Amino acid sequence: MPSFVVLGQERSGTTLVQTLLNSHQDLLCRGELFDPWQIDDNGQKITDLSLVRARDALPKAFLTAAMDGADLAKPAPSRISRFAAKLTRGKRKRIGFKMLTHHHPLLFKEIIPASPDMAIIYVTRTNKLAQFASRQQVKETGRWTEARAQAPVAPKLKISPFWAAAECNRLENEDFLLSHYLEMLPNPVLQLEYASLSEGDLQAELVAFLDVSAQGLSSPLKKQGQNRVLDRFQNADEIATHFAAIEREAWLGPEI
């Protein structure tokens, strides 16, 4: 079973955490192995439908093979009973994966509860309006991550403030339920906040949590949305009026 899992919602900062971890010589986070549309093996997009369906048919066998370092693009002849045994771990001492809340339900129901030694890195993003806006902006651009130093400015959104508030409610409620789920598990859990991920003390805590050698972490990723959250909207006045009225005005300013 895997030594760690990075867990969170879409646009919560899990990809940033993945890249930070993979900058450490002793760590390998293989990415969104249970993306419903593909197997995302740390940037290698495996879209062969037979492999995706085989993964979803037997997720535990798939994950066991993945955490053993198997080449996920080359299944064994016996379907998914075992993926090809070629190891990709290299010199990494700890290996894990990234999981979002819409990934395979057996991960929550059976696989994680049956793996009490699996370290869980739980990533949250307190500013739900920023998280919601980030999701809508990348849907328009089609660029889920950005590493270019001179990237185009993210497009401004024109969105109903009531829909924005409803989506923020959903995100908050999901985090609430997920935090209670994690409290029931015996697994070691470290919760990280998106807005603090660049801080050295937090990164040192992450390295210590995974019990690997002290080392600075880095990521090539660049922030995509405007830092002042209200600047992400064409109808900024509408958004500001509504979110101030529902006492969420703190979400309108700079996030970092």
Protein backbone atom coordinates (compact mmCIF):
# COMPACT_ATOMS: atom_id res chain seq x y z
CA MET A 1 0.00 0.00 0.00
CA PRO A 2 1.12 3.56 -0.60
CA SER A 3 3.15 5.45 1.95
CA PHE A 4 1.17 8.65 1.43
CA VAL A 5 -1.78 10.22 -0.36
CA VAL A 6 -2.33 13.90 -1.16
CA LEU A 7 -6.06 14.49 -0.69
CA GLY A 8 -8.27 17.47 -1.44
CA GLN A 9 -10.80 19.14 -3.72
CA GLU A 10 -10.18 20.42 -7.23
CA ARG A 11 -8.26 23.73 -7.24
CA SER A 12 -7.39 23.40 -3.55
CA GLY A 13 -3.62 23.26 -4.11
CA THR A 14 -3.05 19.51 -4.39
CA THR A 15 -1.08 19.82 -7.63
CA LEU A 16 1.19 22.41 -6.03
CA VAL A 17 1.80 19.99 -3.16
CA GLN A 18 2.53 17.20 -5.65
CA THR A 19 5.21 19.27 -7.39
CA LEU A 20 6.72 20.31 -4.06
CA LEU A 21 6.96 16.67 -3.00
CA ASN A 22 8.49 15.61 -6.30
CA SER A 23 11.26 18.17 -5.90
CA HIS A 24 12.52 16.10 -2.96
CA GLN A 25 15.05 13.40 -3.80
CA ASP A 26 13.38 10.82 -1.55
CA LEU A 27 9.76 11.31 -2.62
CA LEU A 28 7.60 10.38 -5.60
CA CYS A 29 3.96 11.43 -5.87
CA ARG A 30 2.58 9.66 -8.93
CA GLY A 31 -0.34 12.06 -9.39
CA GLU A 32 -4.04 11.57 -10.09
CA LEU A 33 -3.99 7.85 -10.74
CA PHE A 34 -7.79 7.72 -10.42
CA ASP A 35 -8.75 10.62 -12.68
CA PRO A 36 -12.06 9.31 -14.13
CA TRP A 37 -11.02 10.17 -17.71
CA GLN A 38 -7.46 8.86 -17.66
CA ILE A 39 -4.58 7.57 -15.56
CA ASP A 40 -2.47 10.64 -14.83
CA ASP A 41 0.88 9.19 -13.80
CA ASN A 42 2.78 12.32 -12.73
CA GLY A 43 2.09 14.03 -16.05
CA GLN A 44 2.04 10.93 -18.25
CA LYS A 45 -1.55 10.84 -19.52
CA ILE A 46 -2.60 7.22 -20.07
CA THR A 47 -5.89 7.37 -21.98
CA ASP A 48 -6.15 3.78 -23.24
CA LEU A 49 -9.78 2.99 -22.41
CA SER A 50 -9.03 -0.65 -21.61
CA LEU A 51 -6.50 0.43 -18.97
CA VAL A 52 -8.83 3.02 -17.45
CA ARG A 53 -11.66 0.49 -17.21
CA ALA A 54 -9.34 -2.16 -15.80
CA ARG A 55 -8.23 0.29 -13.11
CA ASP A 56 -11.81 1.10 -12.13
CA ALA A 57 -12.84 -2.56 -12.10
CA LEU A 58 -10.16 -3.50 -9.55
CA PRO A 59 -8.90 -0.31 -7.90
CA LYS A 60 -7.13 -2.03 -5.00
CA ALA A 61 -5.05 -4.27 -7.26
CA PHE A 62 -4.25 -1.29 -9.47
CA LEU A 63 -3.15 0.88 -6.54
CA THR A 64 -1.04 -1.88 -5.03
CA ALA A 65 0.80 -2.25 -8.33
CA ALA A 66 1.17 1.52 -8.69
CA MET A 67 2.65 1.88 -5.22
CA ASP A 68 5.05 -0.97 -5.99
CA GLY A 69 6.35 1.17 -8.84
CA ALA A 70 4.71 -0.70 -11.74
CA ASP A 71 4.67 0.70 -15.28
CA LEU A 72 0.97 1.56 -15.50
CA ALA A 73 0.96 1.84 -19.28
CA LYS A 74 1.83 -1.86 -19.66
CA PRO A 75 -0.69 -4.19 -18.01
CA ALA A 76 0.17 -7.81 -17.30
CA PRO A 77 -1.50 -10.45 -19.50
CA SER A 78 -3.85 -11.38 -16.66
CA ARG A 79 -5.77 -8.10 -17.13
CA ILE A 80 -5.34 -6.02 -13.97
CA SER A 81 -4.54 -8.78 -11.51
CA ARG A 82 -1.07 -7.31 -11.70
CA PHE A 83 0.33 -4.47 -13.76
CA ALA A 84 3.71 -4.91 -15.43
CA ALA A 85 6.42 -5.39 -12.85
CA LYS A 86 8.93 -2.91 -14.27
CA LEU A 87 9.73 -0.62 -11.36
CA THR A 88 9.70 3.16 -11.71
CA ARG A 89 10.45 3.94 -8.06
CA GLY A 90 14.15 4.54 -8.69
CA LYS A 91 15.90 5.85 -5.59
CA ARG A 92 12.78 7.33 -4.06
CA LYS A 93 12.17 6.13 -0.51
CA ARG A 94 8.49 6.99 -0.26
CA ILE A 95 5.88 6.80 -2.96
CA GLY A 96 2.31 8.07 -3.02
CA PHE A 97 -0.48 9.45 -5.18
CA LYS A 98 -2.95 12.32 -5.40
CA MET A 99 -6.66 11.88 -4.84
CA LEU A 100 -9.58 14.26 -5.33
CA THR A 101 -13.06 13.98 -3.87
CA HIS A 102 -14.64 12.77 -7.14
CA HIS A 103 -12.23 9.85 -7.57
CA HIS A 104 -13.08 6.15 -7.05
CA PRO A 105 -15.41 5.71 -4.03
CA LEU A 106 -13.71 2.52 -2.87
CA LEU A 107 -10.69 4.62 -1.96
CA PHE A 108 -12.79 6.30 0.74
CA LYS A 109 -14.92 3.28 1.64
CA GLU A 110 -12.37 0.48 1.81
CA ILE A 111 -8.83 1.09 0.62
CA ILE A 112 -7.77 4.00 2.85
CA PRO A 113 -9.52 2.65 6.00
CA ALA A 114 -7.74 -0.68 5.45
CA SER A 115 -4.36 1.08 5.26
CA PRO A 116 -3.77 2.73 8.66
CA ASP A 117 -0.09 3.31 7.88
CA MET A 118 -0.92 5.45 4.84
CA ALA A 119 0.04 9.05 5.65
CA ILE A 120 -2.63 11.52 4.51
CA ILE A 121 -1.72 15.04 3.39
CA TYR A 122 -5.03 16.92 3.41
CA VAL A 123 -4.97 20.15 1.40
CA THR A 124 -7.61 22.81 2.00
CA ARG A 125 -8.30 26.25 0.58
CA THR A 126 -10.10 28.53 3.02
CA ASN A 127 -11.08 31.11 0.40
CA LYS A 128 -13.82 29.20 -1.38
CA LEU A 129 -14.67 32.07 -3.72
CA ALA A 130 -11.08 32.02 -4.98
CA GLN A 131 -11.25 28.24 -5.34
CA PHE A 132 -14.54 28.43 -7.25
CA ALA A 133 -13.27 31.22 -9.52
CA SER A 134 -10.07 29.29 -10.22
CA ARG A 135 -12.13 26.30 -11.38
CA GLN A 136 -14.21 28.45 -13.72
CA GLN A 137 -11.19 30.27 -15.16
CA VAL A 138 -9.29 27.09 -16.03
CA LYS A 139 -12.44 25.67 -17.63
CA GLU A 140 -12.28 28.63 -20.01
CA THR A 141 -8.54 28.48 -20.70
CA GLY A 142 -8.15 24.69 -20.69
CA ARG A 143 -4.85 25.09 -18.80
CA TRP A 144 -5.08 23.30 -15.46
CA THR A 145 -1.53 24.25 -14.49
CA GLU A 146 0.81 27.03 -15.55
CA ALA A 147 4.59 27.09 -15.45
CA ARG A 148 5.24 29.89 -17.97
CA ALA A 149 6.80 32.99 -16.45
CA GLN A 150 4.87 35.30 -18.81
CA ALA A 151 1.49 33.58 -18.95
CA PRO A 152 -1.61 35.43 -20.24
CA VAL A 153 -3.83 37.05 -17.63
CA ALA A 154 -6.68 34.74 -16.64
CA PRO A 155 -10.05 35.72 -18.19
CA LYS A 156 -12.53 37.58 -16.02
CA LEU A 157 -15.79 35.82 -15.23
CA LYS A 158 -19.39 36.99 -15.42
CA ILE A 159 -21.23 34.74 -13.01
CA SER A 160 -24.39 34.95 -10.93
CA PRO A 161 -23.42 35.80 -7.35
CA PHE A 162 -26.07 33.35 -6.14
CA TRP A 163 -24.52 30.49 -8.11
CA ALA A 164 -21.07 31.48 -6.86
CA ALA A 165 -22.34 31.45 -3.28
CA ALA A 166 -24.04 28.08 -3.78
CA GLU A 167 -20.83 26.55 -5.12
CA CYS A 168 -18.89 28.01 -2.20
CA ASN A 169 -21.41 26.38 0.14
CA ARG A 170 -20.88 23.03 -1.57
CA LEU A 171 -17.10 23.33 -1.26
CA GLU A 172 -17.30 24.28 2.41
CA ASN A 173 -19.69 21.44 3.17
CA GLU A 174 -17.47 18.92 1.38
CA ASP A 175 -14.48 20.05 3.43
CA PHE A 176 -16.52 19.80 6.63
CA LEU A 177 -17.59 16.23 5.86
CA LEU A 178 -14.13 15.23 4.69
CA SER A 179 -12.49 16.56 7.86
CA HIS A 180 -14.87 14.47 9.98
CA TYR A 181 -14.16 11.41 7.85
CA LEU A 182 -10.43 11.86 8.42
CA GLU A 183 -10.95 12.22 12.18
CA MET A 184 -12.42 8.70 12.24
CA LEU A 185 -9.34 7.15 10.66
CA PRO A 186 -6.27 5.94 12.56
CA ASN A 187 -4.00 7.25 9.78
CA PRO A 188 -1.53 10.06 10.41
CA VAL A 189 -2.97 13.25 8.88
CA LEU A 190 -1.30 16.56 8.10
CA GLN A 191 -3.59 19.40 7.02
CA LEU A 192 -2.11 22.10 4.78
CA GLU A 193 -3.66 25.43 3.77
CA TYR A 194 -3.27 26.61 0.18
CA ALA A 195 -2.38 30.18 1.09
CA SER A 196 0.56 29.00 3.23
CA LEU A 197 2.11 26.44 0.88
CA SER A 198 5.02 28.70 -0.09
CA GLU A 199 6.08 29.22 3.53
CA GLY A 200 9.33 27.55 4.53
CA ASP A 201 8.09 26.45 7.97
CA LEU A 202 5.12 24.65 6.46
CA GLN A 203 7.30 22.92 3.88
CA ALA A 204 9.66 21.81 6.65
CA GLU A 205 6.66 20.40 8.53
CA LEU A 206 5.65 18.48 5.40
CA VAL A 207 9.11 16.94 5.03
CA ALA A 208 9.18 16.00 8.72
CA PHE A 209 5.70 14.48 8.49
CA LEU A 210 6.86 12.11 5.75
CA ASP A 211 10.03 11.33 7.73
CA VAL A 212 12.52 12.05 4.96
CA SER A 213 15.72 14.08 4.95
CA ALA A 214 15.47 17.82 5.50
CA GLN A 215 15.58 19.55 2.14
CA GLY A 216 14.12 22.68 0.59
CA LEU A 217 11.12 22.17 -1.70
CA SER A 218 10.30 24.00 -4.91
CA SER A 219 7.62 24.06 -7.59
CA PRO A 220 7.63 25.31 -11.18
CA LEU A 221 3.95 26.25 -11.00
CA LYS A 222 2.78 29.86 -11.27
CA LYS A 223 -0.39 31.35 -9.83
CA GLN A 224 -2.99 31.58 -12.58
CA GLY A 225 -5.77 33.78 -11.22
CA GLN A 226 -5.65 37.41 -10.12
CA ASN A 227 -4.52 37.55 -6.49
CA ARG A 228 -7.28 39.99 -5.51
CA VAL A 229 -10.22 37.65 -5.84
CA LEU A 230 -12.74 40.33 -6.79
CA ASP A 231 -10.58 41.17 -9.81
CA ARG A 232 -11.49 37.78 -11.30
CA PHE A 233 -15.04 38.93 -12.07
CA GLN A 234 -16.47 41.19 -14.76
CA ASN A 235 -19.49 41.87 -12.54
CA ALA A 236 -17.34 42.70 -9.54
CA ASP A 237 -19.90 45.08 -8.01
CA GLU A 238 -22.60 42.39 -7.96
CA ILE A 239 -20.24 39.85 -6.44
CA ALA A 240 -18.98 42.32 -3.84
CA THR A 241 -22.48 43.41 -2.80
CA HIS A 242 -23.75 39.86 -2.39
CA PHE A 243 -20.74 38.43 -0.57
CA ALA A 244 -20.58 41.41 1.77
CA ALA A 245 -24.28 40.93 2.56
CA ILE A 246 -23.76 37.27 3.45
CA GLU A 247 -20.72 38.10 5.61
CA ARG A 248 -18.11 36.60 3.30
CA GLU A 249 -16.46 39.89 2.43
CA ALA A 250 -13.08 38.54 3.56
CA TRP A 251 -12.99 36.37 0.44
CA LEU A 252 -13.00 39.38 -1.90
CA GLY A 253 -9.49 40.67 -1.22
CA PRO A 254 -6.00 39.30 -1.90
CA GLU A 255 -5.70 35.59 -1.19
CA ILE A 256 -1.94 35.47 -0.61
